[in-house]
Amino acid sequence: MSRKHYSTKLFHKYYYGWIQLYKEKAVRKVTLDKYYLTYRKIRELAPNLHMNDLNRQTYQKLLNDYALTHEKQTTLDFHHHLKAALIDALDEGILEHDPTRRAIIKGCTPNQKKNKFLSFYELQKLLRHLDLGSELNWDWFILLVSKTGLRFAEALALTPEDFDFEKQQLIINKSWNYKDPTGGFQETKNESSNRMVMIDWQLINQFRMLIKGKEEPNWPIFVEHDKRVFNSTINNLLEKYCYKLDIPTISVHGLRHTHASLLLYEGVSVASVAKRLGHANTTTTQETYIHIIEELENKDNDKVLHHLSQLG
């Protein structure tokens, strides 16, 4: 039986066409830009790699070359972008085998950066320090993100109408384009990001009073008209607080990680945490918090062995 002939097209050209076919006008501009950045890296690192030359070895070499100048998490993101296209190529019969199978993710030594998350007691210390008066300010924003795990842009986009006081939840169905000087609403990161987030009775009652009488129910409560919001404004404020309280410096996104981490430590399932964070699937959650999940699994193993030892 004769061997099937597979595509000899250059990989970077196939990937470019794949982006135009499947991602153009289907994802947000910021996400689309990341796909095109991946395309440029393929063209730079493997300009002569053809589709019919793609196998586990050539794919691993591409990942390794990328990892020489990128940290492990960034290399993992690069791998995910490539894998999505190559799985489609496999389904279409363009590839004979999946070259991404059992790929090893490497990375260069990470730069020293802000802590990913705080402990329960460190977070308590931070929240008790906040100036939570009768008017909305960035301290209220910090409290809200800490208790909900919202993305920065999602929290910025909250309007009075997004608070469901009766059901004690937030309606997340948009984000705020803070990277654009003119601002404006935009879609959430992905379809799974459109969700309801339950909040505690204390927080819902606090915000009931804070937004009471707001004249514009469809305007973000943390955004002033004709005034741009910068991510660095809140991050600098957080850095100042952390330094004063002698706790690890953390970013706004770190508050989201803190929220998820503490829920996992409290025994909340990975599936529930993924849904609350608006992750597209539990794989993202598992990969982000693998160190915590492994730690909890070790504790579970101890419980299992203790239980079995009691059976006689």
C-alpha atoms as a PDB file:
ATOM      1  CA  MET A   1       0.000   0.000   0.000  1.00  0.00           C
ATOM      2  CA  SER A   2       1.482   3.352  -0.994  1.00  0.00           C
ATOM      3  CA  ARG A   3       2.332   5.873   1.673  1.00  0.00           C
ATOM      4  CA  LYS A   4       0.051   8.895   1.892  1.00  0.00           C
ATOM      5  CA  HIS A   5       1.713  12.160   0.856  1.00  0.00           C
ATOM      6  CA  TYR A   6       1.467  14.842   3.519  1.00  0.00           C
ATOM      7  CA  SER A   7       1.708  18.607   3.099  1.00  0.00           C
ATOM      8  CA  THR A   8       5.119  20.068   2.254  1.00  0.00           C
ATOM      9  CA  LYS A   9       3.950  23.580   3.108  1.00  0.00           C
ATOM     10  CA  LEU A  10       6.195  25.626   5.382  1.00  0.00           C
ATOM     11  CA  PHE A  11       4.970  25.368   8.972  1.00  0.00           C
ATOM     12  CA  HIS A  12       4.956  29.130   9.588  1.00  0.00           C
ATOM     13  CA  LYS A  13       2.871  29.663   6.422  1.00  0.00           C
ATOM     14  CA  TYR A  14       0.372  27.007   7.501  1.00  0.00           C
ATOM     15  CA  TYR A  15       0.152  28.607  10.950  1.00  0.00           C
ATOM     16  CA  TYR A  16      -0.424  32.069   9.451  1.00  0.00           C
ATOM     17  CA  GLY A  17      -3.275  30.715   7.337  1.00  0.00           C
ATOM     18  CA  TRP A  18      -4.698  28.881  10.355  1.00  0.00           C
ATOM     19  CA  ILE A  19      -4.809  32.137  12.352  1.00  0.00           C
ATOM     20  CA  GLN A  20      -6.631  33.924   9.548  1.00  0.00           C
ATOM     21  CA  LEU A  21      -9.115  31.083   9.115  1.00  0.00           C
ATOM     22  CA  TYR A  22      -9.913  30.272  12.748  1.00  0.00           C
ATOM     23  CA  LYS A  23      -8.901  33.257  14.887  1.00  0.00           C
ATOM     24  CA  GLU A  24      -9.512  36.443  12.895  1.00  0.00           C
ATOM     25  CA  LYS A  25     -12.737  38.090  14.193  1.00  0.00           C
ATOM     26  CA  ALA A  26     -13.240  35.137  16.568  1.00  0.00           C
ATOM     27  CA  VAL A  27     -11.021  36.305  19.457  1.00  0.00           C
ATOM     28  CA  ARG A  28     -10.214  39.648  21.045  1.00  0.00           C
ATOM     29  CA  LYS A  29      -7.470  41.777  19.501  1.00  0.00           C
ATOM     30  CA  VAL A  30      -5.141  41.234  22.457  1.00  0.00           C
ATOM     31  CA  THR A  31      -5.483  37.454  22.033  1.00  0.00           C
ATOM     32  CA  LEU A  32      -5.108  37.672  18.260  1.00  0.00           C
ATOM     33  CA  ASP A  33      -1.887  39.660  18.714  1.00  0.00           C
ATOM     34  CA  LYS A  34      -0.478  36.791  20.795  1.00  0.00           C
ATOM     35  CA  TYR A  35      -1.169  34.313  17.976  1.00  0.00           C
ATOM     36  CA  TYR A  36       0.586  36.573  15.482  1.00  0.00           C
ATOM     37  CA  LEU A  37       3.514  36.935  17.894  1.00  0.00           C
ATOM     38  CA  THR A  38       3.743  33.122  17.960  1.00  0.00           C
ATOM     39  CA  TYR A  39       3.696  33.112  14.144  1.00  0.00           C
ATOM     40  CA  ARG A  40       6.628  35.551  14.022  1.00  0.00           C
ATOM     41  CA  LYS A  41       8.595  33.381  16.462  1.00  0.00           C
ATOM     42  CA  ILE A  42       8.072  30.275  14.290  1.00  0.00           C
ATOM     43  CA  ARG A  43       9.236  32.178  11.220  1.00  0.00           C
ATOM     44  CA  GLU A  44      12.307  33.361  13.159  1.00  0.00           C
ATOM     45  CA  LEU A  45      13.245  30.035  14.813  1.00  0.00           C
ATOM     46  CA  ALA A  46      12.233  27.567  12.107  1.00  0.00           C
ATOM     47  CA  PRO A  47      11.977  29.417   8.766  1.00  0.00           C
ATOM     48  CA  ASN A  48      12.578  26.255   6.699  1.00  0.00           C
ATOM     49  CA  LEU A  49      10.528  23.750   8.714  1.00  0.00           C
ATOM     50  CA  HIS A  50       7.950  22.063   6.458  1.00  0.00           C
ATOM     51  CA  MET A  51       4.753  20.398   7.634  1.00  0.00           C
ATOM     52  CA  ASN A  52       5.899  16.957   6.422  1.00  0.00           C
ATOM     53  CA  ASP A  53       9.093  17.361   8.472  1.00  0.00           C
ATOM     54  CA  LEU A  54       7.174  17.945  11.690  1.00  0.00           C
ATOM     55  CA  ASN A  55       7.615  15.121  14.172  1.00  0.00           C
ATOM     56  CA  ARG A  56       8.256  14.860  17.888  1.00  0.00           C
ATOM     57  CA  GLN A  57      11.961  15.590  17.461  1.00  0.00           C
ATOM     58  CA  THR A  58      11.660  18.660  15.211  1.00  0.00           C
ATOM     59  CA  TYR A  59       8.818  20.035  17.314  1.00  0.00           C
ATOM     60  CA  GLN A  60      10.787  19.524  20.532  1.00  0.00           C
ATOM     61  CA  LYS A  61      13.770  21.328  18.992  1.00  0.00           C
ATOM     62  CA  LEU A  62      11.501  24.284  18.165  1.00  0.00           C
ATOM     63  CA  LEU A  63      10.269  24.388  21.765  1.00  0.00           C
ATOM     64  CA  ASN A  64      13.820  24.073  23.100  1.00  0.00           C
ATOM     65  CA  ASP A  65      15.056  26.933  20.904  1.00  0.00           C
ATOM     66  CA  TYR A  66      12.193  29.105  22.130  1.00  0.00           C
ATOM     67  CA  ALA A  67      12.877  28.137  25.768  1.00  0.00           C
ATOM     68  CA  LEU A  68      16.472  29.406  25.558  1.00  0.00           C
ATOM     69  CA  THR A  69      15.215  32.977  25.901  1.00  0.00           C
ATOM     70  CA  HIS A  70      11.846  32.468  27.599  1.00  0.00           C
ATOM     71  CA  GLU A  71      10.673  31.284  30.985  1.00  0.00           C
ATOM     72  CA  LYS A  72       8.884  27.958  31.392  1.00  0.00           C
ATOM     73  CA  GLN A  73       5.372  29.433  31.672  1.00  0.00           C
ATOM     74  CA  THR A  74       5.875  31.508  28.504  1.00  0.00           C
ATOM     75  CA  THR A  75       7.167  28.427  26.680  1.00  0.00           C
ATOM     76  CA  LEU A  76       4.057  26.552  27.827  1.00  0.00           C
ATOM     77  CA  ASP A  77       1.840  29.295  26.365  1.00  0.00           C
ATOM     78  CA  PHE A  78       3.832  29.107  23.098  1.00  0.00           C
ATOM     79  CA  HIS A  79       3.302  25.325  23.053  1.00  0.00           C
ATOM     80  CA  HIS A  80      -0.469  25.707  23.590  1.00  0.00           C
ATOM     81  CA  HIS A  81      -0.744  28.146  20.678  1.00  0.00           C
ATOM     82  CA  LEU A  82       1.113  25.764  18.365  1.00  0.00           C
ATOM     83  CA  LYS A  83      -0.681  22.658  19.570  1.00  0.00           C
ATOM     84  CA  ALA A  84      -4.133  24.078  18.765  1.00  0.00           C
ATOM     85  CA  ALA A  85      -3.132  24.500  15.104  1.00  0.00           C
ATOM     86  CA  LEU A  86      -1.314  21.165  14.843  1.00  0.00           C
ATOM     87  CA  ILE A  87      -4.239  19.193  16.265  1.00  0.00           C
ATOM     88  CA  ASP A  88      -6.418  20.744  13.545  1.00  0.00           C
ATOM     89  CA  ALA A  89      -3.783  19.793  10.951  1.00  0.00           C
ATOM     90  CA  LEU A  90      -3.859  16.233  12.288  1.00  0.00           C
ATOM     91  CA  ASP A  91      -7.658  16.109  12.052  1.00  0.00           C
ATOM     92  CA  GLU A  92      -7.501  17.389   8.479  1.00  0.00           C
ATOM     93  CA  GLY A  93      -5.013  14.693   7.459  1.00  0.00           C
ATOM     94  CA  ILE A  94      -2.227  17.190   6.839  1.00  0.00           C
ATOM     95  CA  LEU A  95      -0.104  15.444   9.486  1.00  0.00           C
ATOM     96  CA  GLU A  96       0.310  11.726  10.020  1.00  0.00           C
ATOM     97  CA  HIS A  97       1.132  11.860  13.736  1.00  0.00           C
ATOM     98  CA  ASP A  98       0.740  14.397  16.538  1.00  0.00           C
ATOM     99  CA  PRO A  99       4.203  16.019  16.917  1.00  0.00           C
ATOM    100  CA  THR A 100       3.173  17.709  20.184  1.00  0.00           C
ATOM    101  CA  ARG A 101       2.582  14.420  22.026  1.00  0.00           C
ATOM    102  CA  ARG A 102       4.558  14.179  25.265  1.00  0.00           C
ATOM    103  CA  ALA A 103       6.398  17.434  24.549  1.00  0.00           C
ATOM    104  CA  ILE A 104       8.810  18.530  27.275  1.00  0.00           C
ATOM    105  CA  ILE A 105       8.429  22.122  28.415  1.00  0.00           C
ATOM    106  CA  LYS A 106      11.674  23.833  29.371  1.00  0.00           C
ATOM    107  CA  GLY A 107      12.593  27.433  30.101  1.00  0.00           C
ATOM    108  CA  CYS A 108      15.392  29.772  31.057  1.00  0.00           C
ATOM    109  CA  THR A 109      15.975  30.848  34.659  1.00  0.00           C
ATOM    110  CA  PRO A 110      13.129  33.197  35.632  1.00  0.00           C
ATOM    111  CA  ASN A 111      13.811  36.763  36.657  1.00  0.00           C
ATOM    112  CA  GLN A 112      13.015  37.710  40.210  1.00  0.00           C
ATOM    113  CA  LYS A 113       9.429  38.891  40.202  1.00  0.00           C
ATOM    114  CA  LYS A 114       6.551  39.677  42.496  1.00  0.00           C
ATOM    115  CA  ASN A 115       5.078  36.864  44.545  1.00  0.00           C
ATOM    116  CA  LYS A 116       2.313  34.948  42.837  1.00  0.00           C
ATOM    117  CA  PHE A 117       0.100  34.777  45.900  1.00  0.00           C
ATOM    118  CA  LEU A 118      -0.155  35.599  49.597  1.00  0.00           C
ATOM    119  CA  SER A 119      -0.920  33.284  52.481  1.00  0.00           C
ATOM    120  CA  PHE A 120      -4.252  33.543  54.290  1.00  0.00           C
ATOM    121  CA  TYR A 121      -2.713  35.534  57.146  1.00  0.00           C
ATOM    122  CA  GLU A 122      -0.803  37.858  54.812  1.00  0.00           C
ATOM    123  CA  LEU A 123      -3.981  38.592  52.874  1.00  0.00           C
ATOM    124  CA  GLN A 124      -5.879  39.228  56.119  1.00  0.00           C
ATOM    125  CA  LYS A 125      -3.167  41.669  57.170  1.00  0.00           C
ATOM    126  CA  LEU A 126      -3.441  43.500  53.834  1.00  0.00           C
ATOM    127  CA  LEU A 127      -7.245  43.720  53.867  1.00  0.00           C
ATOM    128  CA  ARG A 128      -7.328  45.014  57.454  1.00  0.00           C
ATOM    129  CA  HIS A 129      -4.997  47.820  56.393  1.00  0.00           C
ATOM    130  CA  LEU A 130      -7.289  49.067  53.602  1.00  0.00           C
ATOM    131  CA  ASP A 131      -9.027  52.420  53.901  1.00  0.00           C
ATOM    132  CA  LEU A 132     -12.613  51.340  53.282  1.00  0.00           C
ATOM    133  CA  GLY A 133     -14.617  54.531  53.703  1.00  0.00           C
ATOM    134  CA  SER A 134     -18.058  55.525  52.458  1.00  0.00           C
ATOM    135  CA  GLU A 135     -16.768  56.414  48.973  1.00  0.00           C
ATOM    136  CA  LEU A 136     -15.428  54.062  46.307  1.00  0.00           C
ATOM    137  CA  ASN A 137     -11.634  54.070  45.981  1.00  0.00           C
ATOM    138  CA  TRP A 138      -8.870  51.692  44.869  1.00  0.00           C
ATOM    139  CA  ASP A 139      -8.818  50.085  48.308  1.00  0.00           C
ATOM    140  CA  TRP A 140     -12.371  48.876  47.663  1.00  0.00           C
ATOM    141  CA  PHE A 141     -11.149  47.591  44.292  1.00  0.00           C
ATOM    142  CA  ILE A 142      -8.390  45.599  46.023  1.00  0.00           C
ATOM    143  CA  LEU A 143     -10.923  44.094  48.444  1.00  0.00           C
ATOM    144  CA  LEU A 144     -13.278  43.163  45.603  1.00  0.00           C
ATOM    145  CA  VAL A 145     -10.584  41.402  43.537  1.00  0.00           C
ATOM    146  CA  SER A 146      -9.294  39.613  46.640  1.00  0.00           C
ATOM    147  CA  LYS A 147     -12.740  38.211  47.401  1.00  0.00           C
ATOM    148  CA  THR A 148     -13.805  37.359  43.850  1.00  0.00           C
ATOM    149  CA  GLY A 149     -10.671  36.498  41.859  1.00  0.00           C
ATOM    150  CA  LEU A 150     -11.800  38.705  38.975  1.00  0.00           C
ATOM    151  CA  ARG A 151      -9.341  39.715  36.293  1.00  0.00           C
ATOM    152  CA  PHE A 152      -8.270  43.366  36.423  1.00  0.00           C
ATOM    153  CA  ALA A 153     -10.223  44.277  33.274  1.00  0.00           C
ATOM    154  CA  GLU A 154     -13.329  42.389  34.475  1.00  0.00           C
ATOM    155  CA  ALA A 155     -13.377  44.222  37.812  1.00  0.00           C
ATOM    156  CA  LEU A 156     -12.901  47.573  36.051  1.00  0.00           C
ATOM    157  CA  ALA A 157     -15.913  46.890  33.845  1.00  0.00           C
ATOM    158  CA  LEU A 158     -18.359  46.348  36.728  1.00  0.00           C
ATOM    159  CA  THR A 159     -21.389  48.607  36.612  1.00  0.00           C
ATOM    160  CA  PRO A 160     -24.190  48.984  39.202  1.00  0.00           C
ATOM    161  CA  GLU A 161     -26.354  46.711  37.036  1.00  0.00           C
ATOM    162  CA  ASP A 162     -23.822  43.879  37.372  1.00  0.00           C
ATOM    163  CA  PHE A 163     -24.594  43.500  41.077  1.00  0.00           C
ATOM    164  CA  ASP A 164     -27.423  41.033  41.686  1.00  0.00           C
ATOM    165  CA  PHE A 165     -28.221  41.784  45.321  1.00  0.00           C
ATOM    166  CA  GLU A 166     -31.066  39.299  45.541  1.00  0.00           C
ATOM    167  CA  LYS A 167     -28.960  36.319  44.381  1.00  0.00           C
ATOM    168  CA  GLN A 168     -25.803  37.662  46.059  1.00  0.00           C
ATOM    169  CA  GLN A 169     -23.681  37.459  42.924  1.00  0.00           C
ATOM    170  CA  LEU A 170     -21.808  39.446  40.290  1.00  0.00           C
ATOM    171  CA  ILE A 171     -22.659  39.205  36.591  1.00  0.00           C
ATOM    172  CA  ILE A 172     -19.450  39.027  34.549  1.00  0.00           C
ATOM    173  CA  ASN A 173     -20.173  39.521  30.844  1.00  0.00           C
ATOM    174  CA  LYS A 174     -17.657  42.160  29.678  1.00  0.00           C
ATOM    175  CA  SER A 175     -14.296  43.719  30.451  1.00  0.00           C
ATOM    176  CA  TRP A 176     -12.829  47.232  30.246  1.00  0.00           C
ATOM    177  CA  ASN A 177     -10.254  48.031  27.568  1.00  0.00           C
ATOM    178  CA  TYR A 178      -7.869  49.894  29.871  1.00  0.00           C
ATOM    179  CA  LYS A 179      -4.978  49.472  27.405  1.00  0.00           C
ATOM    180  CA  ASP A 180      -6.726  51.794  24.956  1.00  0.00           C
ATOM    181  CA  PRO A 181      -6.423  55.520  25.833  1.00  0.00           C
ATOM    182  CA  THR A 182     -10.141  55.962  25.125  1.00  0.00           C
ATOM    183  CA  GLY A 183     -11.175  52.950  27.213  1.00  0.00           C
ATOM    184  CA  GLY A 184     -14.542  51.340  26.513  1.00  0.00           C
ATOM    185  CA  PHE A 185     -16.216  47.987  27.062  1.00  0.00           C
ATOM    186  CA  GLN A 186     -15.003  44.865  25.275  1.00  0.00           C
ATOM    187  CA  GLU A 187     -15.738  41.149  25.349  1.00  0.00           C
ATOM    188  CA  THR A 188     -14.396  38.959  28.119  1.00  0.00           C
ATOM    189  CA  LYS A 189     -11.264  36.884  27.521  1.00  0.00           C
ATOM    190  CA  ASN A 190     -13.264  33.878  26.317  1.00  0.00           C
ATOM    191  CA  GLU A 191     -16.784  32.426  26.401  1.00  0.00           C
ATOM    192  CA  SER A 192     -16.129  30.706  29.733  1.00  0.00           C
ATOM    193  CA  SER A 193     -15.307  34.081  31.261  1.00  0.00           C
ATOM    194  CA  ASN A 194     -18.991  35.032  31.019  1.00  0.00           C
ATOM    195  CA  ARG A 195     -20.167  33.814  34.397  1.00  0.00           C
ATOM    196  CA  MET A 196     -21.878  34.492  37.715  1.00  0.00           C
ATOM    197  CA  VAL A 197     -19.601  34.908  40.732  1.00  0.00           C
ATOM    198  CA  MET A 198     -21.072  34.387  44.189  1.00  0.00           C
ATOM    199  CA  ILE A 199     -19.937  36.845  46.875  1.00  0.00           C
ATOM    200  CA  ASP A 200     -20.356  36.888  50.627  1.00  0.00           C
ATOM    201  CA  TRP A 201     -23.215  38.780  52.308  1.00  0.00           C
ATOM    202  CA  GLN A 202     -20.873  41.325  53.886  1.00  0.00           C
ATOM    203  CA  LEU A 203     -19.318  42.358  50.561  1.00  0.00           C
ATOM    204  CA  ILE A 204     -22.646  42.527  48.719  1.00  0.00           C
ATOM    205  CA  ASN A 205     -24.121  44.761  51.435  1.00  0.00           C
ATOM    206  CA  GLN A 206     -21.046  46.988  51.453  1.00  0.00           C
ATOM    207  CA  PHE A 207     -21.319  47.558  47.710  1.00  0.00           C
ATOM    208  CA  ARG A 208     -25.086  48.010  47.933  1.00  0.00           C
ATOM    209  CA  MET A 209     -24.407  51.132  49.992  1.00  0.00           C
ATOM    210  CA  LEU A 210     -21.422  52.274  47.911  1.00  0.00           C
ATOM    211  CA  ILE A 211     -23.262  52.271  44.575  1.00  0.00           C
ATOM    212  CA  LYS A 212     -26.627  53.377  45.919  1.00  0.00           C
ATOM    213  CA  GLY A 213     -27.851  56.386  43.983  1.00  0.00           C
ATOM    214  CA  LYS A 214     -25.311  56.034  41.157  1.00  0.00           C
ATOM    215  CA  GLU A 215     -26.773  58.070  38.296  1.00  0.00           C
ATOM    216  CA  GLU A 216     -25.363  55.898  35.505  1.00  0.00           C
ATOM    217  CA  PRO A 217     -26.286  52.224  36.031  1.00  0.00           C
ATOM    218  CA  ASN A 218     -24.394  51.224  32.863  1.00  0.00           C
ATOM    219  CA  TRP A 219     -21.123  53.023  33.616  1.00  0.00           C
ATOM    220  CA  PRO A 220     -18.202  51.292  35.432  1.00  0.00           C
ATOM    221  CA  ILE A 221     -18.188  52.163  39.127  1.00  0.00           C
ATOM    222  CA  PHE A 222     -14.382  52.425  39.306  1.00  0.00           C
ATOM    223  CA  VAL A 223     -13.860  54.430  36.095  1.00  0.00           C
ATOM    224  CA  GLU A 224     -14.258  58.195  35.831  1.00  0.00           C
ATOM    225  CA  HIS A 225     -15.368  59.760  32.555  1.00  0.00           C
ATOM    226  CA  ASP A 226     -12.499  60.943  30.356  1.00  0.00           C
ATOM    227  CA  LYS A 227      -9.947  59.588  32.812  1.00  0.00           C
ATOM    228  CA  ARG A 228      -7.740  56.650  31.895  1.00  0.00           C
ATOM    229  CA  VAL A 229      -7.037  53.854  34.382  1.00  0.00           C
ATOM    230  CA  PHE A 230      -3.590  52.253  34.519  1.00  0.00           C
ATOM    231  CA  ASN A 231      -2.829  48.804  35.907  1.00  0.00           C
ATOM    232  CA  SER A 232       0.352  50.256  37.417  1.00  0.00           C
ATOM    233  CA  THR A 233      -1.657  52.665  39.597  1.00  0.00           C
ATOM    234  CA  ILE A 234      -3.134  49.848  41.662  1.00  0.00           C
ATOM    235  CA  ASN A 235       0.040  47.750  41.526  1.00  0.00           C
ATOM    236  CA  ASN A 236       2.079  50.655  42.915  1.00  0.00           C
ATOM    237  CA  LEU A 237      -0.482  51.148  45.672  1.00  0.00           C
ATOM    238  CA  LEU A 238      -0.311  47.451  46.533  1.00  0.00           C
ATOM    239  CA  GLU A 239       3.489  47.565  46.578  1.00  0.00           C
ATOM    240  CA  LYS A 240       3.399  50.469  49.020  1.00  0.00           C
ATOM    241  CA  TYR A 241       0.967  48.648  51.322  1.00  0.00           C
ATOM    242  CA  CYS A 242       2.941  45.389  51.214  1.00  0.00           C
ATOM    243  CA  TYR A 243       6.185  47.178  52.022  1.00  0.00           C
ATOM    244  CA  LYS A 244       4.575  48.981  54.960  1.00  0.00           C
ATOM    245  CA  LEU A 245       3.039  45.741  56.296  1.00  0.00           C
ATOM    246  CA  ASP A 246       6.234  43.725  55.731  1.00  0.00           C
ATOM    247  CA  ILE A 247       4.513  41.111  53.578  1.00  0.00           C
ATOM    248  CA  PRO A 248       5.569  39.839  50.104  1.00  0.00           C
ATOM    249  CA  THR A 249       4.926  42.339  47.328  1.00  0.00           C
ATOM    250  CA  ILE A 250       2.031  41.276  45.132  1.00  0.00           C
ATOM    251  CA  SER A 251       0.280  42.549  41.990  1.00  0.00           C
ATOM    252  CA  VAL A 252      -3.439  42.866  41.237  1.00  0.00           C
ATOM    253  CA  HIS A 253      -3.211  39.662  39.202  1.00  0.00           C
ATOM    254  CA  GLY A 254      -1.489  38.125  42.217  1.00  0.00           C
ATOM    255  CA  LEU A 255      -4.652  38.811  44.217  1.00  0.00           C
ATOM    256  CA  ARG A 256      -6.518  36.647  41.701  1.00  0.00           C
ATOM    257  CA  HIS A 257      -3.959  33.870  42.218  1.00  0.00           C
ATOM    258  CA  THR A 258      -4.254  34.326  45.986  1.00  0.00           C
ATOM    259  CA  HIS A 259      -8.028  33.950  45.794  1.00  0.00           C
ATOM    260  CA  ALA A 260      -7.778  30.718  43.801  1.00  0.00           C
ATOM    261  CA  SER A 261      -4.969  29.301  45.948  1.00  0.00           C
ATOM    262  CA  LEU A 262      -6.827  29.848  49.211  1.00  0.00           C
ATOM    263  CA  LEU A 263      -9.970  28.205  47.804  1.00  0.00           C
ATOM    264  CA  LEU A 264      -7.953  25.148  46.770  1.00  0.00           C
ATOM    265  CA  TYR A 265      -6.333  24.939  50.200  1.00  0.00           C
ATOM    266  CA  GLU A 266      -9.828  25.048  51.719  1.00  0.00           C
ATOM    267  CA  GLY A 267     -10.779  21.968  49.735  1.00  0.00           C
ATOM    268  CA  VAL A 268     -12.815  23.614  46.957  1.00  0.00           C
ATOM    269  CA  SER A 269     -12.689  21.420  43.857  1.00  0.00           C
ATOM    270  CA  VAL A 270     -10.523  22.326  40.867  1.00  0.00           C
ATOM    271  CA  ALA A 271     -13.663  22.342  38.696  1.00  0.00           C
ATOM    272  CA  SER A 272     -15.393  24.899  40.936  1.00  0.00           C
ATOM    273  CA  VAL A 273     -12.301  27.111  41.099  1.00  0.00           C
ATOM    274  CA  ALA A 274     -11.940  26.948  37.290  1.00  0.00           C
ATOM    275  CA  LYS A 275     -15.571  28.014  36.851  1.00  0.00           C
ATOM    276  CA  ARG A 276     -15.216  30.846  39.356  1.00  0.00           C
ATOM    277  CA  LEU A 277     -12.075  32.166  37.645  1.00  0.00           C
ATOM    278  CA  GLY A 278     -13.615  31.885  34.177  1.00  0.00           C
ATOM    279  CA  HIS A 279     -11.035  29.410  32.888  1.00  0.00           C
ATOM    280  CA  ALA A 280     -11.930  27.706  29.614  1.00  0.00           C
ATOM    281  CA  ASN A 281     -11.177  24.303  31.162  1.00  0.00           C
ATOM    282  CA  THR A 282      -9.789  22.714  34.317  1.00  0.00           C
ATOM    283  CA  THR A 283      -6.480  21.998  32.551  1.00  0.00           C
ATOM    284  CA  THR A 284      -5.591  25.703  32.753  1.00  0.00           C
ATOM    285  CA  THR A 285      -6.366  25.710  36.471  1.00  0.00           C
ATOM    286  CA  GLN A 286      -4.400  22.529  37.097  1.00  0.00           C
ATOM    287  CA  GLU A 287      -1.339  23.794  35.224  1.00  0.00           C
ATOM    288  CA  THR A 288      -1.418  27.184  36.986  1.00  0.00           C
ATOM    289  CA  TYR A 289      -1.786  25.748  40.482  1.00  0.00           C
ATOM    290  CA  ILE A 290      -0.006  22.408  40.033  1.00  0.00           C
ATOM    291  CA  HIS A 291       2.235  22.977  43.085  1.00  0.00           C
ATOM    292  CA  ILE A 292      -0.797  23.439  45.337  1.00  0.00           C
ATOM    293  CA  ILE A 293      -2.690  20.508  43.830  1.00  0.00           C
ATOM    294  CA  GLU A 294       0.324  18.223  44.308  1.00  0.00           C
ATOM    295  CA  GLU A 295       0.662  19.375  47.923  1.00  0.00           C
ATOM    296  CA  LEU A 296      -3.034  18.649  48.545  1.00  0.00           C
ATOM    297  CA  GLU A 297      -2.741  15.253  46.845  1.00  0.00           C
ATOM    298  CA  ASN A 298       0.078  14.328  49.238  1.00  0.00           C
ATOM    299  CA  LYS A 299      -2.154  15.246  52.167  1.00  0.00           C
ATOM    300  CA  ASP A 300      -4.987  13.200  50.644  1.00  0.00           C
ATOM    301  CA  ASN A 301      -2.656  10.208  50.277  1.00  0.00           C
ATOM    302  CA  ASP A 302      -1.849  10.440  53.986  1.00  0.00           C
ATOM    303  CA  LYS A 303      -5.574  10.464  54.761  1.00  0.00           C
ATOM    304  CA  VAL A 304      -6.191   7.468  52.478  1.00  0.00           C
ATOM    305  CA  LEU A 305      -3.387   5.442  54.069  1.00  0.00           C
ATOM    306  CA  HIS A 306      -4.552   6.351  57.566  1.00  0.00           C
ATOM    307  CA  HIS A 307      -8.104   5.301  56.697  1.00  0.00           C
ATOM    308  CA  LEU A 308      -6.969   2.000  55.169  1.00  0.00           C
ATOM    309  CA  SER A 309      -4.814   1.216  58.209  1.00  0.00           C
ATOM    310  CA  GLN A 310      -7.916   1.445  60.392  1.00  0.00           C
ATOM    311  CA  LEU A 311      -9.711  -1.285  58.447  1.00  0.00           C
ATOM    312  CA  GLY A 312      -7.802  -4.057  60.250  1.00  0.00           C
END
